[in-house]
Amino acid sequence: MIKPLGDRIVIKVIEDSEQTSGGIFIPDSAKEKPQKGEVIAVGLGKINEKGEREPMDVKVGDTVLYAKYAGTEIKMDGVEYKILSVKDALAVIE
């Protein structure tokens, strides 16, 4: 298991469907980089100037949209993850 430090989060990348609703398969070369993922681990938060921890905006289980080229990609047990700063998470999908 990965435990992020500070204000970082670990997300499991959610790949978009390889087939359109009309039944057309999309080749890998034509796909956009995924920008959606499920939060699987959250750091403790950033320490501010007063020495206090700032609360995190996301929690484990949230589905988030993140900046296109944000974070560091890693692969463990055949699953793609990203470690990124919480500021690179743009929105939570409800």
PDB file of N, CA and C in Angstrom:
ATOM      1  N   MET A   1       0.841  -1.187   0.000  1.00  0.00           N
ATOM      2  CA  MET A   1       0.000   0.000   0.000  1.00  0.00           C
ATOM      3  C   MET A   1       0.884   1.249   0.000  1.00  0.00           C
ATOM      4  N   ILE A   2       0.411   2.276  -0.613  1.00  0.00           N
ATOM      5  CA  ILE A   2       1.141   3.531  -0.731  1.00  0.00           C
ATOM      6  C   ILE A   2       0.559   4.525   0.268  1.00  0.00           C
ATOM      7  N   LYS A   3       1.419   5.168   1.046  1.00  0.00           N
ATOM      8  CA  LYS A   3       0.979   6.187   2.001  1.00  0.00           C
ATOM      9  C   LYS A   3       1.570   7.525   1.568  1.00  0.00           C
ATOM     10  N   PRO A   4       0.733   8.444   1.060  1.00  0.00           N
ATOM     11  CA  PRO A   4       1.251   9.729   0.600  1.00  0.00           C
ATOM     12  C   PRO A   4       1.646  10.629   1.770  1.00  0.00           C
ATOM     13  N   LEU A   5       2.592  11.515   1.530  1.00  0.00           N
ATOM     14  CA  LEU A   5       3.073  12.443   2.541  1.00  0.00           C
ATOM     15  C   LEU A   5       2.501  13.837   2.305  1.00  0.00           C
ATOM     16  N   GLY A   6       2.367  14.604   3.376  1.00  0.00           N
ATOM     17  CA  GLY A   6       1.948  16.001   3.279  1.00  0.00           C
ATOM     18  C   GLY A   6       0.598  16.175   2.625  1.00  0.00           C
ATOM     19  N   ASP A   7       0.556  17.042   1.615  1.00  0.00           N
ATOM     20  CA  ASP A   7      -0.708  17.365   0.945  1.00  0.00           C
ATOM     21  C   ASP A   7      -0.901  16.569  -0.349  1.00  0.00           C
ATOM     22  N   ARG A   8      -0.345  15.369  -0.398  1.00  0.00           N
ATOM     23  CA  ARG A   8      -0.465  14.546  -1.604  1.00  0.00           C
ATOM     24  C   ARG A   8      -1.560  13.499  -1.452  1.00  0.00           C
ATOM     25  N   ILE A   9      -2.076  13.081  -2.598  1.00  0.00           N
ATOM     26  CA  ILE A   9      -3.088  12.025  -2.634  1.00  0.00           C
ATOM     27  C   ILE A   9      -2.663  10.967  -3.648  1.00  0.00           C
ATOM     28  N   VAL A  10      -3.143   9.747  -3.455  1.00  0.00           N
ATOM     29  CA  VAL A  10      -2.914   8.664  -4.409  1.00  0.00           C
ATOM     30  C   VAL A  10      -4.262   8.342  -5.029  1.00  0.00           C
ATOM     31  N   ILE A  11      -4.308   8.315  -6.351  1.00  0.00           N
ATOM     32  CA  ILE A  11      -5.553   7.977  -7.028  1.00  0.00           C
ATOM     33  C   ILE A  11      -5.343   6.778  -7.943  1.00  0.00           C
ATOM     34  N   LYS A  12      -6.388   6.001  -8.080  1.00  0.00           N
ATOM     35  CA  LYS A  12      -6.413   4.898  -9.042  1.00  0.00           C
ATOM     36  C   LYS A  12      -7.045   5.467 -10.301  1.00  0.00           C
ATOM     37  N   VAL A  13      -6.293   5.439 -11.386  1.00  0.00           N
ATOM     38  CA  VAL A  13      -6.745   6.035 -12.643  1.00  0.00           C
ATOM     39  C   VAL A  13      -7.938   5.261 -13.185  1.00  0.00           C
ATOM     40  N   ILE A  14      -8.976   5.995 -13.584  1.00  0.00           N
ATOM     41  CA  ILE A  14     -10.164   5.395 -14.195  1.00  0.00           C
ATOM     42  C   ILE A  14     -10.076   5.619 -15.694  1.00  0.00           C
ATOM     43  N   GLU A  15      -9.926   4.528 -16.425  1.00  0.00           N
ATOM     44  CA  GLU A  15      -9.831   4.598 -17.890  1.00  0.00           C
ATOM     45  C   GLU A  15     -11.226   4.771 -18.482  1.00  0.00           C
ATOM     46  N   ASP A  16     -11.312   5.610 -19.514  1.00  0.00           N
ATOM     47  CA  ASP A  16     -12.578   5.753 -20.229  1.00  0.00           C
ATOM     48  C   ASP A  16     -12.826   4.516 -21.075  1.00  0.00           C
ATOM     49  N   SER A  17     -14.046   4.323 -21.450  1.00  0.00           N
ATOM     50  CA  SER A  17     -14.441   3.167 -22.255  1.00  0.00           C
ATOM     51  C   SER A  17     -13.701   3.159 -23.591  1.00  0.00           C
ATOM     52  N   GLU A  18     -13.355   1.976 -24.045  1.00  0.00           N
ATOM     53  CA  GLU A  18     -12.661   1.847 -25.327  1.00  0.00           C
ATOM     54  C   GLU A  18     -13.638   1.773 -26.494  1.00  0.00           C
ATOM     55  N   GLN A  19     -14.929   1.875 -26.179  1.00  0.00           N
ATOM     56  CA  GLN A  19     -15.948   1.774 -27.215  1.00  0.00           C
ATOM     57  C   GLN A  19     -16.949   2.902 -27.018  1.00  0.00           C
ATOM     58  N   THR A  20     -17.352   3.546 -28.128  1.00  0.00           N
ATOM     59  CA  THR A  20     -18.350   4.608 -28.043  1.00  0.00           C
ATOM     60  C   THR A  20     -19.727   3.990 -27.880  1.00  0.00           C
ATOM     61  N   SER A  21     -20.708   4.841 -27.570  1.00  0.00           N
ATOM     62  CA  SER A  21     -22.078   4.338 -27.412  1.00  0.00           C
ATOM     63  C   SER A  21     -22.618   3.773 -28.725  1.00  0.00           C
ATOM     64  N   GLY A  22     -22.052   4.182 -29.859  1.00  0.00           N
ATOM     65  CA  GLY A  22     -22.464   3.670 -31.161  1.00  0.00           C
ATOM     66  C   GLY A  22     -21.772   2.372 -31.545  1.00  0.00           C
ATOM     67  N   GLY A  23     -20.851   1.884 -30.687  1.00  0.00           N
ATOM     68  CA  GLY A  23     -20.186   0.616 -30.945  1.00  0.00           C
ATOM     69  C   GLY A  23     -18.836   0.721 -31.623  1.00  0.00           C
ATOM     70  N   ILE A  24     -18.320   1.948 -31.804  1.00  0.00           N
ATOM     71  CA  ILE A  24     -17.027   2.126 -32.453  1.00  0.00           C
ATOM     72  C   ILE A  24     -15.922   2.003 -31.415  1.00  0.00           C
ATOM     73  N   PHE A  25     -14.898   1.171 -31.721  1.00  0.00           N
ATOM     74  CA  PHE A  25     -13.769   1.013 -30.814  1.00  0.00           C
ATOM     75  C   PHE A  25     -12.759   2.127 -31.059  1.00  0.00           C
ATOM     76  N   ILE A  26     -12.230   2.691 -29.966  1.00  0.00           N
ATOM     77  CA  ILE A  26     -11.268   3.785 -30.047  1.00  0.00           C
ATOM     78  C   ILE A  26      -9.865   3.219 -29.828  1.00  0.00           C
ATOM     79  N   PRO A  27      -8.959   3.394 -30.806  1.00  0.00           N
ATOM     80  CA  PRO A  27      -7.595   2.882 -30.624  1.00  0.00           C
ATOM     81  C   PRO A  27      -6.837   3.707 -29.587  1.00  0.00           C
ATOM     82  N   ASP A  28      -5.807   3.089 -28.969  1.00  0.00           N
ATOM     83  CA  ASP A  28      -5.014   3.767 -27.948  1.00  0.00           C
ATOM     84  C   ASP A  28      -4.416   5.078 -28.453  1.00  0.00           C
ATOM     85  N   SER A  29      -4.033   5.119 -29.718  1.00  0.00           N
ATOM     86  CA  SER A  29      -3.390   6.312 -30.273  1.00  0.00           C
ATOM     87  C   SER A  29      -4.343   7.499 -30.354  1.00  0.00           C
ATOM     88  N   ALA A  30      -5.644   7.255 -30.343  1.00  0.00           N
ATOM     89  CA  ALA A  30      -6.626   8.331 -30.460  1.00  0.00           C
ATOM     90  C   ALA A  30      -7.215   8.741 -29.110  1.00  0.00           C
ATOM     91  N   LYS A  31      -6.859   8.027 -28.047  1.00  0.00           N
ATOM     92  CA  LYS A  31      -7.422   8.321 -26.729  1.00  0.00           C
ATOM     93  C   LYS A  31      -6.721   9.498 -26.073  1.00  0.00           C
ATOM     94  N   GLU A  32      -7.488  10.261 -25.320  1.00  0.00           N
ATOM     95  CA  GLU A  32      -6.942  11.319 -24.472  1.00  0.00           C
ATOM     96  C   GLU A  32      -6.388  10.677 -23.204  1.00  0.00           C
ATOM     97  N   LYS A  33      -5.449  11.345 -22.547  1.00  0.00           N
ATOM     98  CA  LYS A  33      -4.975  10.858 -21.254  1.00  0.00           C
ATOM     99  C   LYS A  33      -6.145  10.933 -20.269  1.00  0.00           C
ATOM    100  N   PRO A  34      -6.318   9.907 -19.447  1.00  0.00           N
ATOM    101  CA  PRO A  34      -7.413   9.967 -18.478  1.00  0.00           C
ATOM    102  C   PRO A  34      -7.179  11.083 -17.466  1.00  0.00           C
ATOM    103  N   GLN A  35      -8.259  11.706 -17.034  1.00  0.00           N
ATOM    104  CA  GLN A  35      -8.168  12.795 -16.073  1.00  0.00           C
ATOM    105  C   GLN A  35      -9.126  12.565 -14.915  1.00  0.00           C
ATOM    106  N   LYS A  36      -9.476  11.315 -14.692  1.00  0.00           N
ATOM    107  CA  LYS A  36     -10.425  10.989 -13.637  1.00  0.00           C
ATOM    108  C   LYS A  36      -9.875   9.815 -12.851  1.00  0.00           C
ATOM    109  N   GLY A  37     -10.072   9.843 -11.532  1.00  0.00           N
ATOM    110  CA  GLY A  37      -9.580   8.751 -10.715  1.00  0.00           C
ATOM    111  C   GLY A  37     -10.265   8.687  -9.369  1.00  0.00           C
ATOM    112  N   GLU A  38     -10.106   7.533  -8.722  1.00  0.00           N
ATOM    113  CA  GLU A  38     -10.670   7.321  -7.390  1.00  0.00           C
ATOM    114  C   GLU A  38      -9.560   7.488  -6.358  1.00  0.00           C
ATOM    115  N   VAL A  39      -9.815   8.295  -5.341  1.00  0.00           N
ATOM    116  CA  VAL A  39      -8.841   8.534  -4.286  1.00  0.00           C
ATOM    117  C   VAL A  39      -8.743   7.282  -3.423  1.00  0.00           C
ATOM    118  N   ILE A  40      -7.525   6.730  -3.310  1.00  0.00           N
ATOM    119  CA  ILE A  40      -7.354   5.525  -2.491  1.00  0.00           C
ATOM    120  C   ILE A  40      -6.525   5.787  -1.239  1.00  0.00           C
ATOM    121  N   ALA A  41      -5.812   6.924  -1.189  1.00  0.00           N
ATOM    122  CA  ALA A  41      -5.045   7.287   0.002  1.00  0.00           C
ATOM    123  C   ALA A  41      -4.858   8.795   0.034  1.00  0.00           C
ATOM    124  N   VAL A  42      -4.846   9.346   1.248  1.00  0.00           N
ATOM    125  CA  VAL A  42      -4.737  10.794   1.447  1.00  0.00           C
ATOM    126  C   VAL A  42      -3.668  11.062   2.497  1.00  0.00           C
ATOM    127  N   GLY A  43      -2.811  12.038   2.229  1.00  0.00           N
ATOM    128  CA  GLY A  43      -1.805  12.445   3.212  1.00  0.00           C
ATOM    129  C   GLY A  43      -2.450  13.177   4.385  1.00  0.00           C
ATOM    130  N   LEU A  44      -1.649  13.554   5.352  1.00  0.00           N
ATOM    131  CA  LEU A  44      -2.156  14.227   6.553  1.00  0.00           C
ATOM    132  C   LEU A  44      -2.507  15.690   6.317  1.00  0.00           C
ATOM    133  N   GLY A  45      -1.992  16.278   5.267  1.00  0.00           N
ATOM    134  CA  GLY A  45      -2.259  17.687   4.972  1.00  0.00           C
ATOM    135  C   GLY A  45      -1.004  18.527   5.126  1.00  0.00           C
ATOM    136  N   LYS A  46      -1.049  19.692   4.525  1.00  0.00           N
ATOM    137  CA  LYS A  46       0.080  20.621   4.534  1.00  0.00           C
ATOM    138  C   LYS A  46       0.113  21.369   5.870  1.00  0.00           C
ATOM    139  N   ILE A  47       1.295  21.689   6.329  1.00  0.00           N
ATOM    140  CA  ILE A  47       1.446  22.474   7.553  1.00  0.00           C
ATOM    141  C   ILE A  47       1.558  23.947   7.155  1.00  0.00           C
ATOM    142  N   ASN A  48       0.682  24.786   7.728  1.00  0.00           N
ATOM    143  CA  ASN A  48       0.688  26.212   7.380  1.00  0.00           C
ATOM    144  C   ASN A  48       1.721  26.981   8.205  1.00  0.00           C
ATOM    145  N   GLU A  49       1.749  28.309   8.046  1.00  0.00           N
ATOM    146  CA  GLU A  49       2.737  29.148   8.727  1.00  0.00           C
ATOM    147  C   GLU A  49       2.606  29.093  10.250  1.00  0.00           C
ATOM    148  N   LYS A  50       1.415  28.798  10.749  1.00  0.00           N
ATOM    149  CA  LYS A  50       1.179  28.733  12.194  1.00  0.00           C
ATOM    150  C   LYS A  50       1.584  27.377  12.779  1.00  0.00           C
ATOM    151  N   GLY A  51       2.012  26.448  11.914  1.00  0.00           N
ATOM    152  CA  GLY A  51       2.401  25.126  12.375  1.00  0.00           C
ATOM    153  C   GLY A  51       1.226  24.170  12.520  1.00  0.00           C
ATOM    154  N   GLU A  52       0.070  24.544  11.988  1.00  0.00           N
ATOM    155  CA  GLU A  52      -1.125  23.712  12.070  1.00  0.00           C
ATOM    156  C   GLU A  52      -1.336  22.979  10.749  1.00  0.00           C
ATOM    157  N   ARG A  53      -1.905  21.786  10.837  1.00  0.00           N
ATOM    158  CA  ARG A  53      -2.227  21.022   9.618  1.00  0.00           C
ATOM    159  C   ARG A  53      -3.507  21.570   8.998  1.00  0.00           C
ATOM    160  N   GLU A  54      -3.453  21.807   7.684  1.00  0.00           N
ATOM    161  CA  GLU A  54      -4.644  22.231   6.962  1.00  0.00           C
ATOM    162  C   GLU A  54      -5.442  20.994   6.570  1.00  0.00           C
ATOM    163  N   PRO A  55      -6.761  21.028   6.715  1.00  0.00           N
ATOM    164  CA  PRO A  55      -7.556  19.851   6.350  1.00  0.00           C
ATOM    165  C   PRO A  55      -7.519  19.611   4.840  1.00  0.00           C
ATOM    166  N   MET A  56      -7.626  18.349   4.460  1.00  0.00           N
ATOM    167  CA  MET A  56      -7.629  17.985   3.043  1.00  0.00           C
ATOM    168  C   MET A  56      -9.035  18.170   2.466  1.00  0.00           C
ATOM    169  N   ASP A  57      -9.097  18.550   1.182  1.00  0.00           N
ATOM    170  CA  ASP A  57     -10.379  18.779   0.518  1.00  0.00           C
ATOM    171  C   ASP A  57     -11.013  17.497   0.003  1.00  0.00           C
ATOM    172  N   VAL A  58     -10.248  16.415  -0.064  1.00  0.00           N
ATOM    173  CA  VAL A  58     -10.769  15.144  -0.580  1.00  0.00           C
ATOM    174  C   VAL A  58     -10.581  14.056   0.470  1.00  0.00           C
ATOM    175  N   LYS A  59     -11.331  12.977   0.307  1.00  0.00           N
ATOM    176  CA  LYS A  59     -11.206  11.846   1.223  1.00  0.00           C
ATOM    177  C   LYS A  59     -11.151  10.558   0.413  1.00  0.00           C
ATOM    178  N   VAL A  60     -10.733   9.487   1.052  1.00  0.00           N
ATOM    179  CA  VAL A  60     -10.655   8.185   0.398  1.00  0.00           C
ATOM    180  C   VAL A  60     -12.048   7.809  -0.112  1.00  0.00           C
ATOM    181  N   GLY A  61     -12.104   7.344  -1.363  1.00  0.00           N
ATOM    182  CA  GLY A  61     -13.374   6.957  -1.973  1.00  0.00           C
ATOM    183  C   GLY A  61     -13.945   7.998  -2.919  1.00  0.00           C
ATOM    184  N   ASP A  62     -13.478   9.254  -2.819  1.00  0.00           N
ATOM    185  CA  ASP A  62     -13.945  10.301  -3.732  1.00  0.00           C
ATOM    186  C   ASP A  62     -13.455  10.016  -5.147  1.00  0.00           C
ATOM    187  N   THR A  63     -14.249  10.390  -6.134  1.00  0.00           N
ATOM    188  CA  THR A  63     -13.829  10.362  -7.532  1.00  0.00           C
ATOM    189  C   THR A  63     -13.518  11.802  -7.917  1.00  0.00           C
ATOM    190  N   VAL A  64     -12.310  12.034  -8.423  1.00  0.00           N
ATOM    191  CA  VAL A  64     -11.870  13.392  -8.722  1.00  0.00           C
ATOM    192  C   VAL A  64     -11.453  13.546 -10.174  1.00  0.00           C
ATOM    193  N   LEU A  65     -11.570  14.774 -10.655  1.00  0.00           N
ATOM    194  CA  LEU A  65     -10.982  15.172 -11.928  1.00  0.00           C
ATOM    195  C   LEU A  65      -9.683  15.872 -11.575  1.00  0.00           C
ATOM    196  N   TYR A  66      -8.624  15.602 -12.334  1.00  0.00           N
ATOM    197  CA  TYR A  66      -7.336  16.216 -12.027  1.00  0.00           C
ATOM    198  C   TYR A  66      -6.729  16.819 -13.279  1.00  0.00           C
ATOM    199  N   ALA A  67      -5.758  17.704 -13.076  1.00  0.00           N
ATOM    200  CA  ALA A  67      -5.082  18.371 -14.182  1.00  0.00           C
ATOM    201  C   ALA A  67      -4.425  17.338 -15.102  1.00  0.00           C
ATOM    202  N   LYS A  68      -4.459  17.604 -16.391  1.00  0.00           N
ATOM    203  CA  LYS A  68      -4.053  16.645 -17.419  1.00  0.00           C
ATOM    204  C   LYS A  68      -2.653  16.068 -17.224  1.00  0.00           C
ATOM    205  N   TYR A  69      -1.677  16.888 -16.935  1.00  0.00           N
ATOM    206  CA  TYR A  69      -0.296  16.408 -16.837  1.00  0.00           C
ATOM    207  C   TYR A  69       0.213  16.420 -15.397  1.00  0.00           C
ATOM    208  N   ALA A  70      -0.688  16.391 -14.446  1.00  0.00           N
ATOM    209  CA  ALA A  70      -0.315  16.470 -13.028  1.00  0.00           C
ATOM    210  C   ALA A  70       0.174  15.128 -12.498  1.00  0.00           C
ATOM    211  N   GLY A  71       1.002  15.202 -11.492  1.00  0.00           N
ATOM    212  CA  GLY A  71       1.367  14.023 -10.722  1.00  0.00           C
ATOM    213  C   GLY A  71       2.409  13.118 -11.348  1.00  0.00           C
ATOM    214  N   THR A  72       2.677  12.056 -10.606  1.00  0.00           N
ATOM    215  CA  THR A  72       3.645  11.044 -11.008  1.00  0.00           C
ATOM    216  C   THR A  72       2.914   9.727 -11.194  1.00  0.00           C
ATOM    217  N   GLU A  73       3.083   9.119 -12.364  1.00  0.00           N
ATOM    218  CA  GLU A  73       2.415   7.846 -12.653  1.00  0.00           C
ATOM    219  C   GLU A  73       3.249   6.693 -12.105  1.00  0.00           C
ATOM    220  N   ILE A  74       2.571   5.739 -11.477  1.00  0.00           N
ATOM    221  CA  ILE A  74       3.229   4.512 -11.038  1.00  0.00           C
ATOM    222  C   ILE A  74       2.305   3.348 -11.349  1.00  0.00           C
ATOM    223  N   LYS A  75       2.888   2.180 -11.500  1.00  0.00           N
ATOM    224  CA  LYS A  75       2.112   0.980 -11.785  1.00  0.00           C
ATOM    225  C   LYS A  75       2.490  -0.074 -10.763  1.00  0.00           C
ATOM    226  N   MET A  76       1.488  -0.615 -10.067  1.00  0.00           N
ATOM    227  CA  MET A  76       1.717  -1.664  -9.083  1.00  0.00           C
ATOM    228  C   MET A  76       0.706  -2.777  -9.321  1.00  0.00           C
ATOM    229  N   ASP A  77       1.195  -3.997  -9.418  1.00  0.00           N
ATOM    230  CA  ASP A  77       0.333  -5.161  -9.641  1.00  0.00           C
ATOM    231  C   ASP A  77      -0.580  -4.973 -10.856  1.00  0.00           C
ATOM    232  N   GLY A  78      -0.078  -4.320 -11.892  1.00  0.00           N
ATOM    233  CA  GLY A  78      -0.828  -4.131 -13.123  1.00  0.00           C
ATOM    234  C   GLY A  78      -1.879  -3.032 -13.071  1.00  0.00           C
ATOM    235  N   VAL A  79      -1.935  -2.279 -11.975  1.00  0.00           N
ATOM    236  CA  VAL A  79      -2.910  -1.197 -11.828  1.00  0.00           C
ATOM    237  C   VAL A  79      -2.167   0.132 -11.886  1.00  0.00           C
ATOM    238  N   GLU A  80      -2.741   1.086 -12.631  1.00  0.00           N
ATOM    239  CA  GLU A  80      -2.109   2.388 -12.785  1.00  0.00           C
ATOM    240  C   GLU A  80      -2.604   3.350 -11.701  1.00  0.00           C
ATOM    241  N   TYR A  81      -1.648   3.981 -11.020  1.00  0.00           N
ATOM    242  CA  TYR A  81      -1.952   4.962  -9.982  1.00  0.00           C
ATOM    243  C   TYR A  81      -1.240   6.266 -10.312  1.00  0.00           C
ATOM    244  N   LYS A  82      -1.700   7.343  -9.696  1.00  0.00           N
ATOM    245  CA  LYS A  82      -1.022   8.634  -9.774  1.00  0.00           C
ATOM    246  C   LYS A  82      -0.890   9.184  -8.372  1.00  0.00           C
ATOM    247  N   ILE A  83       0.273   9.760  -8.089  1.00  0.00           N
ATOM    248  CA  ILE A  83       0.477  10.489  -6.845  1.00  0.00           C
ATOM    249  C   ILE A  83       0.536  11.960  -7.234  1.00  0.00           C
ATOM    250  N   LEU A  84      -0.355  12.750  -6.667  1.00  0.00           N
ATOM    251  CA  LEU A  84      -0.380  14.161  -7.006  1.00  0.00           C
ATOM    252  C   LEU A  84      -0.719  15.016  -5.809  1.00  0.00           C
ATOM    253  N   SER A  85      -0.402  16.289  -5.924  1.00  0.00           N
ATOM    254  CA  SER A  85      -0.728  17.234  -4.881  1.00  0.00           C
ATOM    255  C   SER A  85      -2.236  17.469  -4.891  1.00  0.00           C
ATOM    256  N   VAL A  86      -2.808  17.706  -3.731  1.00  0.00           N
ATOM    257  CA  VAL A  86      -4.249  17.923  -3.659  1.00  0.00           C
ATOM    258  C   VAL A  86      -4.658  19.159  -4.465  1.00  0.00           C
ATOM    259  N   LYS A  87      -3.738  20.119  -4.664  1.00  0.00           N
ATOM    260  CA  LYS A  87      -4.073  21.299  -5.465  1.00  0.00           C
ATOM    261  C   LYS A  87      -4.271  20.963  -6.940  1.00  0.00           C
ATOM    262  N   ASP A  88      -3.769  19.791  -7.391  1.00  0.00           N
ATOM    263  CA  ASP A  88      -3.967  19.367  -8.774  1.00  0.00           C
ATOM    264  C   ASP A  88      -5.308  18.664  -8.974  1.00  0.00           C
ATOM    265  N   ALA A  89      -6.002  18.370  -7.880  1.00  0.00           N
ATOM    266  CA  ALA A  89      -7.366  17.828  -7.986  1.00  0.00           C
ATOM    267  C   ALA A  89      -8.290  19.006  -8.245  1.00  0.00           C
ATOM    268  N   LEU A  90      -8.968  18.986  -9.394  1.00  0.00           N
ATOM    269  CA  LEU A  90      -9.752  20.147  -9.818  1.00  0.00           C
ATOM    270  C   LEU A  90     -11.185  20.116  -9.287  1.00  0.00           C
ATOM    271  N   ALA A  91     -11.759  18.919  -9.145  1.00  0.00           N
ATOM    272  CA  ALA A  91     -13.155  18.803  -8.700  1.00  0.00           C
ATOM    273  C   ALA A  91     -13.439  17.397  -8.207  1.00  0.00           C
ATOM    274  N   VAL A  92     -14.443  17.298  -7.337  1.00  0.00           N
ATOM    275  CA  VAL A  92     -14.920  15.993  -6.867  1.00  0.00           C
ATOM    276  C   VAL A  92     -16.220  15.715  -7.619  1.00  0.00           C
ATOM    277  N   ILE A  93     -16.312  14.522  -8.189  1.00  0.00           N
ATOM    278  CA  ILE A  93     -17.525  14.112  -8.911  1.00  0.00           C
ATOM    279  C   ILE A  93     -18.463  13.451  -7.920  1.00  0.00           C
ATOM    280  N   GLU A  94     -19.665  13.966  -7.796  1.00  0.00           N
ATOM    281  CA  GLU A  94     -20.642  13.408  -6.851  1.00  0.00           C
ATOM    282  C   GLU A  94     -21.711  12.623  -7.572  1.00  0.00           C
TER     283      GLU A  94
END
